[in-house]
Amino acid sequence: MNEKNPHRYDKIINLEHFVSRNRKHMSNYDRAAQFAPFDALTGYDEAIEETGRTTENEIFLGDNEIEELDIRFRIIEDCIKDKPTVKIRYFIPDLYKDGGMYKDETISIRAIDLVKRIIVSTDKKKYDMDYIIAIDGDIFDEIGL
């Protein structure tokens, strides 16, 4: 209470609650949203998560390993009509950080282009041969590789 005028609200204290004719009544949910905490650091949680995400360094093969892979690619090219099934390990570069991740996948090969260095699987997914570090399958066991 204000000590100078203890009765200053006496005229309005018993009046009915005002309801506007021009504005719709605000729901309790919308009213509460006005007082919700302001997130001054929008995107901060995502930035922290991105910083903590780890990547692997790309493995660079030696000349002998590259030659071995090229032999395997040529064998696949010779047997492409059979749509050979192989297991590949390939590198996926990260779009935001240095490095990336390695993935193992078993695929049936539909096409191989040794000039463009692309393998196409039967489900039409394309693989860059320069990122493949290992390829294995029954097709190589049959000829003793």
Protein backbone atom coordinates (compact mmCIF):
# COMPACT_ATOMS: atom_id res chain seq x y z
CA MET A 1 0.00 0.00 0.00
CA ASN A 2 1.07 3.46 -0.74
CA GLU A 3 1.34 5.35 2.53
CA LYS A 4 0.58 8.69 0.87
CA ASN A 5 -2.77 7.56 -0.58
CA PRO A 6 -3.96 4.18 0.69
CA HIS A 7 -7.24 4.45 -1.25
CA ARG A 8 -5.94 5.33 -4.71
CA TYR A 9 -7.36 2.12 -6.34
CA ASP A 10 -10.76 2.24 -4.65
CA LYS A 11 -12.47 3.55 -7.83
CA ILE A 12 -11.33 0.65 -10.04
CA ILE A 13 -10.85 -2.27 -7.69
CA ASN A 14 -14.42 -3.55 -8.01
CA LEU A 15 -14.89 -2.92 -11.74
CA GLU A 16 -15.49 -5.83 -14.12
CA HIS A 17 -12.50 -7.20 -16.02
CA PHE A 18 -12.09 -5.33 -19.30
CA VAL A 19 -12.68 -7.36 -22.49
CA SER A 20 -11.65 -5.77 -25.78
CA ARG A 21 -14.12 -5.70 -28.65
CA ASN A 22 -11.31 -5.30 -31.21
CA ARG A 23 -8.89 -8.03 -30.15
CA LYS A 24 -9.39 -11.74 -29.68
CA HIS A 25 -8.81 -13.16 -26.19
CA MET A 26 -5.30 -14.59 -25.89
CA SER A 27 -5.05 -18.23 -24.86
CA ASN A 28 -3.12 -19.16 -21.73
CA TYR A 29 -0.57 -20.95 -23.95
CA ASP A 30 0.10 -17.81 -26.03
CA ARG A 31 0.18 -15.65 -22.92
CA ALA A 32 2.78 -17.95 -21.32
CA ALA A 33 4.85 -17.92 -24.51
CA GLN A 34 5.38 -14.18 -24.09
CA PHE A 35 7.30 -14.90 -20.93
CA ALA A 36 9.24 -17.93 -22.17
CA PRO A 37 13.01 -17.63 -21.75
CA PHE A 38 14.76 -15.97 -24.65
CA ASP A 39 17.39 -18.18 -26.29
CA ALA A 40 20.13 -15.62 -26.90
CA LEU A 41 22.50 -18.36 -28.00
CA THR A 42 20.50 -19.80 -30.87
CA GLY A 43 22.55 -22.51 -32.54
CA TYR A 44 24.99 -22.81 -29.64
CA ASP A 45 23.98 -26.40 -28.82
CA GLU A 46 24.43 -27.40 -32.46
CA ALA A 47 27.84 -25.72 -32.60
CA ILE A 48 28.99 -27.58 -29.48
CA GLU A 49 27.73 -30.88 -30.92
CA GLU A 50 29.54 -30.21 -34.23
CA THR A 51 32.77 -29.39 -32.40
CA GLY A 52 32.59 -32.65 -30.47
CA ARG A 53 31.90 -34.74 -33.57
CA THR A 54 34.98 -36.68 -34.58
CA THR A 55 36.20 -37.55 -38.05
CA GLU A 56 38.74 -40.04 -39.32
CA ASN A 57 41.77 -39.11 -41.37
CA GLU A 58 41.78 -40.34 -44.95
CA ILE A 59 44.09 -43.29 -45.57
CA PHE A 60 46.34 -42.85 -48.59
CA LEU A 61 47.34 -46.13 -50.23
CA GLY A 62 50.81 -47.01 -51.41
CA ASP A 63 51.66 -47.86 -55.01
CA ASN A 64 51.38 -51.63 -54.45
CA GLU A 65 47.94 -51.29 -52.84
CA ILE A 66 46.73 -49.03 -55.65
CA GLU A 67 47.98 -51.54 -58.22
CA GLU A 68 46.16 -54.37 -56.39
CA LEU A 69 42.92 -52.37 -56.42
CA ASP A 70 43.32 -51.57 -60.13
CA ILE A 71 43.69 -55.30 -60.87
CA ARG A 72 40.49 -55.96 -58.94
CA PHE A 73 38.65 -53.19 -60.80
CA ARG A 74 39.73 -54.72 -64.14
CA ILE A 75 38.52 -58.16 -63.02
CA ILE A 76 35.14 -56.60 -62.17
CA GLU A 77 35.07 -54.95 -65.59
CA ASP A 78 35.68 -58.33 -67.26
CA CYS A 79 32.82 -59.93 -65.31
CA ILE A 80 30.40 -56.98 -65.33
CA LYS A 81 27.68 -58.88 -67.23
CA ASP A 82 27.31 -61.15 -64.15
CA LYS A 83 26.75 -58.11 -61.89
CA PRO A 84 29.29 -59.32 -59.30
CA THR A 85 28.62 -58.78 -55.61
CA VAL A 86 31.54 -57.33 -53.68
CA LYS A 87 32.25 -55.80 -50.31
CA ILE A 88 33.88 -52.38 -50.49
CA ARG A 89 35.39 -50.08 -47.90
CA TYR A 90 35.34 -46.46 -48.94
CA PHE A 91 35.95 -43.00 -47.56
CA ILE A 92 33.24 -40.36 -47.29
CA PRO A 93 34.77 -36.86 -46.94
CA ASP A 94 33.18 -34.65 -44.29
CA LEU A 95 31.52 -31.53 -45.68
CA TYR A 96 32.38 -29.35 -42.68
CA LYS A 97 35.60 -30.65 -41.15
CA ASP A 98 38.91 -32.15 -42.22
CA GLY A 99 38.70 -35.91 -42.59
CA GLY A 100 35.55 -37.95 -42.88
CA MET A 101 34.40 -41.49 -42.21
CA TYR A 102 34.90 -44.96 -43.62
CA LYS A 103 31.98 -47.15 -44.55
CA ASP A 104 31.78 -50.84 -45.44
CA GLU A 105 29.10 -51.86 -47.89
CA THR A 106 28.20 -54.95 -49.86
CA ILE A 107 27.01 -54.04 -53.35
CA SER A 108 26.16 -55.66 -56.66
CA ILE A 109 27.94 -53.83 -59.45
CA ARG A 110 25.96 -52.78 -62.50
CA ALA A 111 28.66 -50.76 -64.29
CA ILE A 112 32.26 -49.69 -63.91
CA ASP A 113 33.99 -46.86 -65.76
CA LEU A 114 37.77 -47.06 -65.42
CA VAL A 115 38.26 -43.72 -67.20
CA LYS A 116 35.83 -41.68 -65.06
CA ARG A 117 36.74 -43.92 -62.10
CA ILE A 118 33.16 -44.58 -61.08
CA ILE A 119 31.41 -47.77 -59.95
CA VAL A 120 27.62 -47.93 -60.25
CA SER A 121 25.70 -50.42 -58.14
CA THR A 122 22.52 -52.18 -59.26
CA ASP A 123 20.55 -49.73 -57.09
CA LYS A 124 22.18 -46.92 -59.16
CA LYS A 125 24.34 -45.56 -56.34
CA LYS A 126 27.69 -44.20 -57.58
CA TYR A 127 31.03 -44.78 -55.87
CA ASP A 128 34.18 -42.81 -56.58
CA MET A 129 36.91 -45.40 -57.14
CA ASP A 130 39.54 -43.01 -55.77
CA TYR A 131 37.91 -43.22 -52.32
CA ILE A 132 37.72 -47.04 -52.27
CA ILE A 133 40.52 -48.50 -50.16
CA ALA A 134 39.46 -52.17 -50.18
CA ILE A 135 37.33 -54.43 -52.34
CA ASP A 136 36.71 -58.10 -51.77
CA GLY A 137 34.34 -60.84 -52.83
CA ASP A 138 33.90 -64.36 -54.18
CA ILE A 139 34.85 -63.17 -57.66
CA PHE A 140 38.44 -62.68 -56.46
CA ASP A 141 38.57 -65.94 -54.49
CA GLU A 142 37.74 -67.87 -57.66
CA ILE A 143 40.92 -66.63 -59.35
CA GLY A 144 43.09 -66.76 -56.24
CA LEU A 145 43.41 -63.05 -55.31
